[in-house]
PDB file of N, CA and C in Angstrom:
ATOM      1  N   UNK A   1     -42.209   9.713 -31.504  1.00  0.00           N
ATOM      2  CA  UNK A   1     -42.667  10.977 -32.054  1.00  0.00           C
ATOM      3  C   UNK A   1     -42.197  12.097 -31.134  1.00  0.00           C
ATOM      4  N   UNK A   2     -41.534  13.070 -31.696  1.00  0.00           N
ATOM      5  CA  UNK A   2     -40.986  14.176 -30.921  1.00  0.00           C
ATOM      6  C   UNK A   2     -42.099  15.143 -30.535  1.00  0.00           C
ATOM      7  N   UNK A   3     -41.937  15.664 -29.318  1.00  0.00           N
ATOM      8  CA  UNK A   3     -42.919  16.627 -28.845  1.00  0.00           C
ATOM      9  C   UNK A   3     -42.449  18.026 -29.209  1.00  0.00           C
ATOM     10  N   UNK A   4     -43.356  18.858 -29.591  1.00  0.00           N
ATOM     11  CA  UNK A   4     -42.950  20.237 -29.893  1.00  0.00           C
ATOM     12  C   UNK A   4     -42.477  20.922 -28.612  1.00  0.00           C
ATOM     13  N   UNK A   5     -41.457  21.711 -28.740  1.00  0.00           N
ATOM     14  CA  UNK A   5     -40.888  22.387 -27.571  1.00  0.00           C
ATOM     15  C   UNK A   5     -40.704  23.862 -27.865  1.00  0.00           C
ATOM     16  N   UNK A   6     -40.708  24.637 -26.789  1.00  0.00           N
ATOM     17  CA  UNK A   6     -40.531  26.076 -26.979  1.00  0.00           C
ATOM     18  C   UNK A   6     -39.066  26.471 -26.797  1.00  0.00           C
ATOM     19  N   UNK A   7     -38.141  25.480 -26.649  1.00  0.00           N
ATOM     20  CA  UNK A   7     -36.728  25.793 -26.470  1.00  0.00           C
ATOM     21  C   UNK A   7     -36.119  26.138 -27.821  1.00  0.00           C
ATOM     22  N   UNK A   8     -35.324  27.181 -27.825  1.00  0.00           N
ATOM     23  CA  UNK A   8     -34.672  27.644 -29.041  1.00  0.00           C
ATOM     24  C   UNK A   8     -33.652  26.594 -29.501  1.00  0.00           C
ATOM     25  N   UNK A   9     -33.545  26.389 -30.800  1.00  0.00           N
ATOM     26  CA  UNK A   9     -32.586  25.421 -31.352  1.00  0.00           C
ATOM     27  C   UNK A   9     -31.153  25.761 -30.985  1.00  0.00           C
ATOM     28  N   UNK A  10     -30.834  27.028 -30.825  1.00  0.00           N
ATOM     29  CA  UNK A  10     -29.468  27.415 -30.456  1.00  0.00           C
ATOM     30  C   UNK A  10     -29.131  26.913 -29.043  1.00  0.00           C
ATOM     31  N   UNK A  11     -30.110  26.875 -28.166  1.00  0.00           N
ATOM     32  CA  UNK A  11     -29.879  26.396 -26.812  1.00  0.00           C
ATOM     33  C   UNK A  11     -29.622  24.892 -26.839  1.00  0.00           C
ATOM     34  N   UNK A  12     -30.454  24.167 -27.559  1.00  0.00           N
ATOM     35  CA  UNK A  12     -30.249  22.716 -27.620  1.00  0.00           C
ATOM     36  C   UNK A  12     -28.920  22.392 -28.291  1.00  0.00           C
ATOM     37  N   UNK A  13     -28.508  23.169 -29.287  1.00  0.00           N
ATOM     38  CA  UNK A  13     -27.213  22.945 -29.930  1.00  0.00           C
ATOM     39  C   UNK A  13     -26.059  23.201 -28.954  1.00  0.00           C
ATOM     40  N   UNK A  14     -26.167  24.248 -28.129  1.00  0.00           N
ATOM     41  CA  UNK A  14     -25.088  24.543 -27.187  1.00  0.00           C
ATOM     42  C   UNK A  14     -24.986  23.449 -26.122  1.00  0.00           C
ATOM     43  N   UNK A  15     -26.120  22.913 -25.674  1.00  0.00           N
ATOM     44  CA  UNK A  15     -26.099  21.822 -24.703  1.00  0.00           C
ATOM     45  C   UNK A  15     -25.462  20.579 -25.324  1.00  0.00           C
ATOM     46  N   UNK A  16     -25.820  20.311 -26.581  1.00  0.00           N
ATOM     47  CA  UNK A  16     -25.250  19.156 -27.280  1.00  0.00           C
ATOM     48  C   UNK A  16     -23.737  19.322 -27.430  1.00  0.00           C
ATOM     49  N   UNK A  17     -23.295  20.521 -27.797  1.00  0.00           N
ATOM     50  CA  UNK A  17     -21.861  20.758 -27.962  1.00  0.00           C
ATOM     51  C   UNK A  17     -21.116  20.610 -26.635  1.00  0.00           C
ATOM     52  N   UNK A  18     -21.731  21.055 -25.551  1.00  0.00           N
ATOM     53  CA  UNK A  18     -21.106  20.906 -24.233  1.00  0.00           C
ATOM     54  C   UNK A  18     -20.965  19.432 -23.875  1.00  0.00           C
ATOM     55  N   UNK A  19     -22.004  18.654 -24.144  1.00  0.00           N
ATOM     56  CA  UNK A  19     -21.948  17.222 -23.861  1.00  0.00           C
ATOM     57  C   UNK A  19     -20.864  16.540 -24.688  1.00  0.00           C
ATOM     58  N   UNK A  20     -20.738  16.945 -25.952  1.00  0.00           N
ATOM     59  CA  UNK A  20     -19.713  16.354 -26.816  1.00  0.00           C
ATOM     60  C   UNK A  20     -18.320  16.725 -26.307  1.00  0.00           C
ATOM     61  N   UNK A  21     -18.173  17.971 -25.835  1.00  0.00           N
ATOM     62  CA  UNK A  21     -16.871  18.388 -25.300  1.00  0.00           C
ATOM     63  C   UNK A  21     -16.515  17.559 -24.070  1.00  0.00           C
ATOM     64  N   UNK A  22     -17.470  17.343 -23.177  1.00  0.00           N
ATOM     65  CA  UNK A  22     -17.198  16.544 -21.976  1.00  0.00           C
ATOM     66  C   UNK A  22     -16.791  15.131 -22.372  1.00  0.00           C
ATOM     67  N   UNK A  23     -17.493  14.556 -23.317  1.00  0.00           N
ATOM     68  CA  UNK A  23     -17.150  13.210 -23.778  1.00  0.00           C
ATOM     69  C   UNK A  23     -15.785  13.197 -24.466  1.00  0.00           C
ATOM     70  N   UNK A  24     -15.464  14.258 -25.174  1.00  0.00           N
ATOM     71  CA  UNK A  24     -14.172  14.331 -25.846  1.00  0.00           C
ATOM     72  C   UNK A  24     -13.015  14.515 -24.874  1.00  0.00           C
ATOM     73  N   UNK A  25     -13.280  15.202 -23.766  1.00  0.00           N
ATOM     74  CA  UNK A  25     -12.224  15.435 -22.767  1.00  0.00           C
ATOM     75  C   UNK A  25     -11.995  14.224 -21.869  1.00  0.00           C
ATOM     76  N   UNK A  26     -12.953  13.330 -21.796  1.00  0.00           N
ATOM     77  CA  UNK A  26     -12.874  12.214 -20.845  1.00  0.00           C
ATOM     78  C   UNK A  26     -11.609  11.359 -21.011  1.00  0.00           C
ATOM     79  N   UNK A  27     -11.194  10.967 -22.222  1.00  0.00           N
ATOM     80  CA  UNK A  27      -9.969  10.164 -22.329  1.00  0.00           C
ATOM     81  C   UNK A  27      -8.725  10.897 -21.829  1.00  0.00           C
ATOM     82  N   UNK A  28      -8.627  12.189 -22.118  1.00  0.00           N
ATOM     83  CA  UNK A  28      -7.463  12.954 -21.654  1.00  0.00           C
ATOM     84  C   UNK A  28      -7.456  13.061 -20.134  1.00  0.00           C
ATOM     85  N   UNK A  29      -8.608  13.277 -19.530  1.00  0.00           N
ATOM     86  CA  UNK A  29      -8.687  13.356 -18.074  1.00  0.00           C
ATOM     87  C   UNK A  29      -8.339  12.007 -17.458  1.00  0.00           C
ATOM     88  N   UNK A  30      -8.826  10.932 -18.073  1.00  0.00           N
ATOM     89  CA  UNK A  30      -8.524   9.592 -17.560  1.00  0.00           C
ATOM     90  C   UNK A  30      -7.026   9.309 -17.625  1.00  0.00           C
ATOM     91  N   UNK A  31      -6.383   9.687 -18.706  1.00  0.00           N
ATOM     92  CA  UNK A  31      -4.929   9.469 -18.820  1.00  0.00           C
ATOM     93  C   UNK A  31      -4.175  10.333 -17.811  1.00  0.00           C
ATOM     94  N   UNK A  32      -4.636  11.561 -17.612  1.00  0.00           N
ATOM     95  CA  UNK A  32      -4.011  12.415 -16.605  1.00  0.00           C
ATOM     96  C   UNK A  32      -4.104  11.798 -15.217  1.00  0.00           C
ATOM     97  N   UNK A  33      -5.271  11.255 -14.884  1.00  0.00           N
ATOM     98  CA  UNK A  33      -5.433  10.586 -13.586  1.00  0.00           C
ATOM     99  C   UNK A  33      -4.528   9.368 -13.486  1.00  0.00           C
ATOM    100  N   UNK A  34      -4.405   8.610 -14.574  1.00  0.00           N
ATOM    101  CA  UNK A  34      -3.524   7.441 -14.573  1.00  0.00           C
ATOM    102  C   UNK A  34      -2.072   7.853 -14.342  1.00  0.00           C
ATOM    103  N   UNK A  35      -1.631   8.909 -15.027  1.00  0.00           N
ATOM    104  CA  UNK A  35      -0.253   9.371 -14.864  1.00  0.00           C
ATOM    105  C   UNK A  35      -0.002   9.841 -13.426  1.00  0.00           C
ATOM    106  N   UNK A  36      -0.960  10.561 -12.857  1.00  0.00           N
ATOM    107  CA  UNK A  36      -0.784  11.035 -11.484  1.00  0.00           C
ATOM    108  C   UNK A  36      -0.711   9.869 -10.507  1.00  0.00           C
ATOM    109  N   UNK A  37      -1.586   8.880 -10.684  1.00  0.00           N
ATOM    110  CA  UNK A  37      -1.573   7.725  -9.787  1.00  0.00           C
ATOM    111  C   UNK A  37      -0.277   6.936  -9.929  1.00  0.00           C
ATOM    112  N   UNK A  38       0.194   6.794 -11.161  1.00  0.00           N
ATOM    113  CA  UNK A  38       1.449   6.067 -11.395  1.00  0.00           C
ATOM    114  C   UNK A  38       2.627   6.811 -10.761  1.00  0.00           C
ATOM    115  N   UNK A  39       2.675   8.122 -10.943  1.00  0.00           N
ATOM    116  CA  UNK A  39       3.758   8.912 -10.352  1.00  0.00           C
ATOM    117  C   UNK A  39       3.729   8.860  -8.834  1.00  0.00           C
ATOM    118  N   UNK A  40       2.525   8.883  -8.257  1.00  0.00           N
ATOM    119  CA  UNK A  40       2.412   8.790  -6.801  1.00  0.00           C
ATOM    120  C   UNK A  40       2.938   7.443  -6.317  1.00  0.00           C
ATOM    121  N   UNK A  41       2.574   6.371  -7.018  1.00  0.00           N
ATOM    122  CA  UNK A  41       3.031   5.029  -6.627  1.00  0.00           C
ATOM    123  C   UNK A  41       4.549   4.913  -6.758  1.00  0.00           C
ATOM    124  N   UNK A  42       5.112   5.457  -7.828  1.00  0.00           N
ATOM    125  CA  UNK A  42       6.565   5.403  -7.992  1.00  0.00           C
ATOM    126  C   UNK A  42       7.288   6.235  -6.930  1.00  0.00           C
ATOM    127  N   UNK A  43       6.719   7.372  -6.595  1.00  0.00           N
ATOM    128  CA  UNK A  43       7.302   8.195  -5.536  1.00  0.00           C
ATOM    129  C   UNK A  43       7.285   7.476  -4.198  1.00  0.00           C
ATOM    130  N   UNK A  44       6.161   6.823  -3.884  1.00  0.00           N
ATOM    131  CA  UNK A  44       6.081   6.052  -2.638  1.00  0.00           C
ATOM    132  C   UNK A  44       7.080   4.906  -2.651  1.00  0.00           C
ATOM    133  N   UNK A  45       7.246   4.272  -3.793  1.00  0.00           N
ATOM    134  CA  UNK A  45       8.193   3.163  -3.900  1.00  0.00           C
ATOM    135  C   UNK A  45       9.625   3.641  -3.645  1.00  0.00           C
ATOM    136  N   UNK A  46       9.991   4.763  -4.229  1.00  0.00           N
ATOM    137  CA  UNK A  46      11.343   5.304  -4.021  1.00  0.00           C
ATOM    138  C   UNK A  46      11.542   5.698  -2.558  1.00  0.00           C
ATOM    139  N   UNK A  47      10.522   6.277  -1.957  1.00  0.00           N
ATOM    140  CA  UNK A  47      10.620   6.668  -0.549  1.00  0.00           C
ATOM    141  C   UNK A  47      10.773   5.440   0.334  1.00  0.00           C
ATOM    142  N   UNK A  48       9.995   4.404   0.071  1.00  0.00           N
ATOM    143  CA  UNK A  48      10.095   3.173   0.856  1.00  0.00           C
ATOM    144  C   UNK A  48      11.471   2.524   0.699  1.00  0.00           C
ATOM    145  N   UNK A  49      12.015   2.551  -0.508  1.00  0.00           N
ATOM    146  CA  UNK A  49      13.342   1.966  -0.735  1.00  0.00           C
ATOM    147  C   UNK A  49      14.404   2.731   0.046  1.00  0.00           C
ATOM    148  N   UNK A  50      14.300   4.049   0.046  1.00  0.00           N
ATOM    149  CA  UNK A  50      15.258   4.866   0.793  1.00  0.00           C
ATOM    150  C   UNK A  50      15.162   4.595   2.287  1.00  0.00           C
ATOM    151  N   UNK A  51      13.943   4.513   2.791  1.00  0.00           N
ATOM    152  CA  UNK A  51      13.742   4.241   4.216  1.00  0.00           C
ATOM    153  C   UNK A  51      14.292   2.869   4.587  1.00  0.00           C
ATOM    154  N   UNK A  52      14.044   1.867   3.746  1.00  0.00           N
ATOM    155  CA  UNK A  52      14.556   0.520   4.019  1.00  0.00           C
ATOM    156  C   UNK A  52      16.078   0.510   4.028  1.00  0.00           C
ATOM    157  N   UNK A  53      16.692   1.243   3.106  1.00  0.00           N
ATOM    158  CA  UNK A  53      18.150   1.300   3.065  1.00  0.00           C
ATOM    159  C   UNK A  53      18.706   1.971   4.315  1.00  0.00           C
ATOM    160  N   UNK A  54      18.066   3.039   4.756  1.00  0.00           N
ATOM    161  CA  UNK A  54      18.526   3.721   5.961  1.00  0.00           C
ATOM    162  C   UNK A  54      18.409   2.804   7.177  1.00  0.00           C
ATOM    163  N   UNK A  55      17.300   2.081   7.273  1.00  0.00           N
ATOM    164  CA  UNK A  55      17.110   1.182   8.414  1.00  0.00           C
ATOM    165  C   UNK A  55      18.128   0.036   8.384  1.00  0.00           C
ATOM    166  N   UNK A  56      18.438  -0.446   7.188  1.00  0.00           N
ATOM    167  CA  UNK A  56      19.452  -1.495   7.066  1.00  0.00           C
ATOM    168  C   UNK A  56      20.817  -0.981   7.512  1.00  0.00           C
ATOM    169  N   UNK A  57      21.138   0.248   7.155  1.00  0.00           N
ATOM    170  CA  UNK A  57      22.420   0.827   7.578  1.00  0.00           C
ATOM    171  C   UNK A  57      22.489   0.980   9.099  1.00  0.00           C
ATOM    172  N   UNK A  58      21.386   1.377   9.715  1.00  0.00           N
ATOM    173  CA  UNK A  58      21.368   1.508  11.173  1.00  0.00           C
ATOM    174  C   UNK A  58      21.561   0.139  11.819  1.00  0.00           C
ATOM    175  N   UNK A  59      20.895  -0.887  11.293  1.00  0.00           N
ATOM    176  CA  UNK A  59      21.041  -2.239  11.833  1.00  0.00           C
ATOM    177  C   UNK A  59      22.475  -2.745  11.667  1.00  0.00           C
ATOM    178  N   UNK A  60      23.060  -2.489  10.517  1.00  0.00           N
ATOM    179  CA  UNK A  60      24.439  -2.921  10.274  1.00  0.00           C
ATOM    180  C   UNK A  60      25.398  -2.212  11.220  1.00  0.00           C
ATOM    181  N   UNK A  61      25.169  -0.941  11.459  1.00  0.00           N
ATOM    182  CA  UNK A  61      26.035  -0.196  12.375  1.00  0.00           C
ATOM    183  C   UNK A  61      25.904  -0.737  13.797  1.00  0.00           C
ATOM    184  N   UNK A  62      24.679  -1.054  14.205  1.00  0.00           N
ATOM    185  CA  UNK A  62      24.467  -1.587  15.556  1.00  0.00           C
ATOM    186  C   UNK A  62      25.138  -2.948  15.722  1.00  0.00           C
ATOM    187  N   UNK A  63      25.017  -3.809  14.715  1.00  0.00           N
ATOM    188  CA  UNK A  63      25.630  -5.132  14.839  1.00  0.00           C
ATOM    189  C   UNK A  63      27.153  -5.036  14.786  1.00  0.00           C
ATOM    190  N   UNK A  64      27.695  -4.101  14.019  1.00  0.00           N
ATOM    191  CA  UNK A  64      29.152  -3.894  14.008  1.00  0.00           C
ATOM    192  C   UNK A  64      29.629  -3.417  15.374  1.00  0.00           C
ATOM    193  N   UNK A  65      28.891  -2.498  15.963  1.00  0.00           N
ATOM    194  CA  UNK A  65      29.249  -2.001  17.293  1.00  0.00           C
ATOM    195  C   UNK A  65      29.230  -3.137  18.321  1.00  0.00           C
ATOM    196  N   UNK A  66      28.206  -3.979  18.237  1.00  0.00           N
ATOM    197  CA  UNK A  66      28.132  -5.120  19.167  1.00  0.00           C
ATOM    198  C   UNK A  66      29.300  -6.088  18.942  1.00  0.00           C
ATOM    199  N   UNK A  67      29.652  -6.339  17.689  1.00  0.00           N
ATOM    200  CA  UNK A  67      30.763  -7.229  17.384  1.00  0.00           C
ATOM    201  C   UNK A  67      32.078  -6.703  17.919  1.00  0.00           C
ATOM    202  N   UNK A  68      32.323  -5.408  17.727  1.00  0.00           N
ATOM    203  CA  UNK A  68      33.564  -4.804  18.209  1.00  0.00           C
ATOM    204  C   UNK A  68      33.592  -4.824  19.735  1.00  0.00           C
ATOM    205  N   UNK A  69      32.464  -4.528  20.357  1.00  0.00           N
ATOM    206  CA  UNK A  69      32.406  -4.560  21.817  1.00  0.00           C
ATOM    207  C   UNK A  69      32.689  -5.963  22.333  1.00  0.00           C
ATOM    208  N   UNK A  70      32.173  -6.974  21.649  1.00  0.00           N
ATOM    209  CA  UNK A  70      32.433  -8.364  22.046  1.00  0.00           C
ATOM    210  C   UNK A  70      33.913  -8.697  21.910  1.00  0.00           C
ATOM    211  N   UNK A  71      34.515  -8.267  20.804  1.00  0.00           N
ATOM    212  CA  UNK A  71      35.948  -8.521  20.618  1.00  0.00           C
ATOM    213  C   UNK A  71      36.784  -7.857  21.700  1.00  0.00           C
ATOM    214  N   UNK A  72      36.441  -6.634  22.067  1.00  0.00           N
ATOM    215  CA  UNK A  72      37.187  -5.944  23.118  1.00  0.00           C
ATOM    216  C   UNK A  72      37.000  -6.610  24.480  1.00  0.00           C
ATOM    217  N   UNK A  73      35.826  -7.162  24.721  1.00  0.00           N
ATOM    218  CA  UNK A  73      35.568  -7.767  26.031  1.00  0.00           C
ATOM    219  C   UNK A  73      36.218  -9.141  26.162  1.00  0.00           C
ATOM    220  N   UNK A  74      36.583  -9.786  25.043  1.00  0.00           N
ATOM    221  CA  UNK A  74      37.208 -11.111  25.121  1.00  0.00           C
ATOM    222  C   UNK A  74      38.548 -11.065  25.841  1.00  0.00           C
ATOM    223  N   UNK A  75      39.349 -10.052  25.581  1.00  0.00           N
ATOM    224  CA  UNK A  75      40.662  -9.954  26.224  1.00  0.00           C
ATOM    225  C   UNK A  75      40.494  -9.789  27.724  1.00  0.00           C
ATOM    226  N   UNK A  76      39.554  -8.964  28.130  1.00  0.00           N
ATOM    227  CA  UNK A  76      39.303  -8.743  29.552  1.00  0.00           C
ATOM    228  C   UNK A  76      38.809 -10.027  30.204  1.00  0.00           C
ATOM    229  N   UNK A  77      37.926 -10.738  29.535  1.00  0.00           N
ATOM    230  CA  UNK A  77      37.388 -11.975  30.105  1.00  0.00           C
ATOM    231  C   UNK A  77      38.476 -13.029  30.243  1.00  0.00           C
ATOM    232  N   UNK A  78      39.308 -13.160  29.227  1.00  0.00           N
ATOM    233  CA  UNK A  78      40.369 -14.183  29.308  1.00  0.00           C
ATOM    234  C   UNK A  78      41.390 -13.831  30.390  1.00  0.00           C
ATOM    235  N   UNK A  79      41.670 -12.552  30.560  1.00  0.00           N
ATOM    236  CA  UNK A  79      42.584 -12.134  31.638  1.00  0.00           C
ATOM    237  C   UNK A  79      41.979 -12.458  33.000  1.00  0.00           C
ATOM    238  N   UNK A  80      40.677 -12.235  33.109  1.00  0.00           N
ATOM    239  CA  UNK A  80      40.006 -12.549  34.365  1.00  0.00           C
ATOM    240  C   UNK A  80      40.043 -14.035  34.676  1.00  0.00           C
ATOM    241  N   UNK A  81      39.843 -14.882  33.671  1.00  0.00           N
ATOM    242  CA  UNK A  81      39.881 -16.336  33.869  1.00  0.00           C
ATOM    243  C   UNK A  81      41.294 -16.759  34.253  1.00  0.00           C
ATOM    244  N   UNK A  82      42.278 -16.245  33.557  1.00  0.00           N
ATOM    245  CA  UNK A  82      43.670 -16.602  33.864  1.00  0.00           C
ATOM    246  C   UNK A  82      44.047 -16.166  35.272  1.00  0.00           C
ATOM    247  N   UNK A  83      43.640 -14.974  35.662  1.00  0.00           N
ATOM    248  CA  UNK A  83      43.935 -14.490  37.013  1.00  0.00           C
ATOM    249  C   UNK A  83      43.269 -15.367  38.056  1.00  0.00           C
ATOM    250  N   UNK A  84      42.041 -15.797  37.782  1.00  0.00           N
ATOM    251  CA  UNK A  84      41.337 -16.666  38.719  1.00  0.00           C
ATOM    252  C   UNK A  84      42.046 -18.005  38.870  1.00  0.00           C
ATOM    253  N   UNK A  85      42.554 -18.541  37.762  1.00  0.00           N
ATOM    254  CA  UNK A  85      43.271 -19.811  37.815  1.00  0.00           C
ATOM    255  C   UNK A  85      44.575 -19.671  38.612  1.00  0.00           C
ATOM    256  N   UNK A  86      45.265 -18.549  38.418  1.00  0.00           N
ATOM    257  CA  UNK A  86      46.515 -18.320  39.152  1.00  0.00           C
ATOM    258  C   UNK A  86      46.226 -18.159  40.653  1.00  0.00           C
ATOM    259  N   UNK A  87      45.146 -17.454  40.941  1.00  0.00           N
ATOM    260  CA  UNK A  87      44.802 -17.190  42.339  1.00  0.00           C
ATOM    261  C   UNK A  87      44.433 -18.493  43.062  1.00  0.00           C
ATOM    262  N   UNK A  88      43.837 -19.439  42.331  1.00  0.00           N
ATOM    263  CA  UNK A  88      43.480 -20.725  42.941  1.00  0.00           C
ATOM    264  C   UNK A  88      44.695 -21.518  43.297  1.00  0.00           C
ATOM    265  N   UNK A  89      45.651 -21.417  42.419  1.00  0.00           N
ATOM    266  CA  UNK A  89      46.712 -22.248  42.424  1.00  0.00           C
ATOM    267  C   UNK A  89      47.822 -22.558  43.167  1.00  0.00           C
TER     268      UNK A  89
END
């Protein structure tokens, strides 16, 4: 049984309409939040991929430098061994 109230019907109608609007907006807000979260995750993924590629390039450059340095040092080492053998001899 409803209790009599002194609130004007126009006030209760405006409150009801506001509640309906909030409920009506909820799916759109939820989709907006989903899109923002998805875009943030994709942006982080692209950034991580770029960083990984850069780090791989730095590692490849370092190993190439080490390989070339090793190749250059082989001639010097073999000359040193040959000279030592001649000096013994």
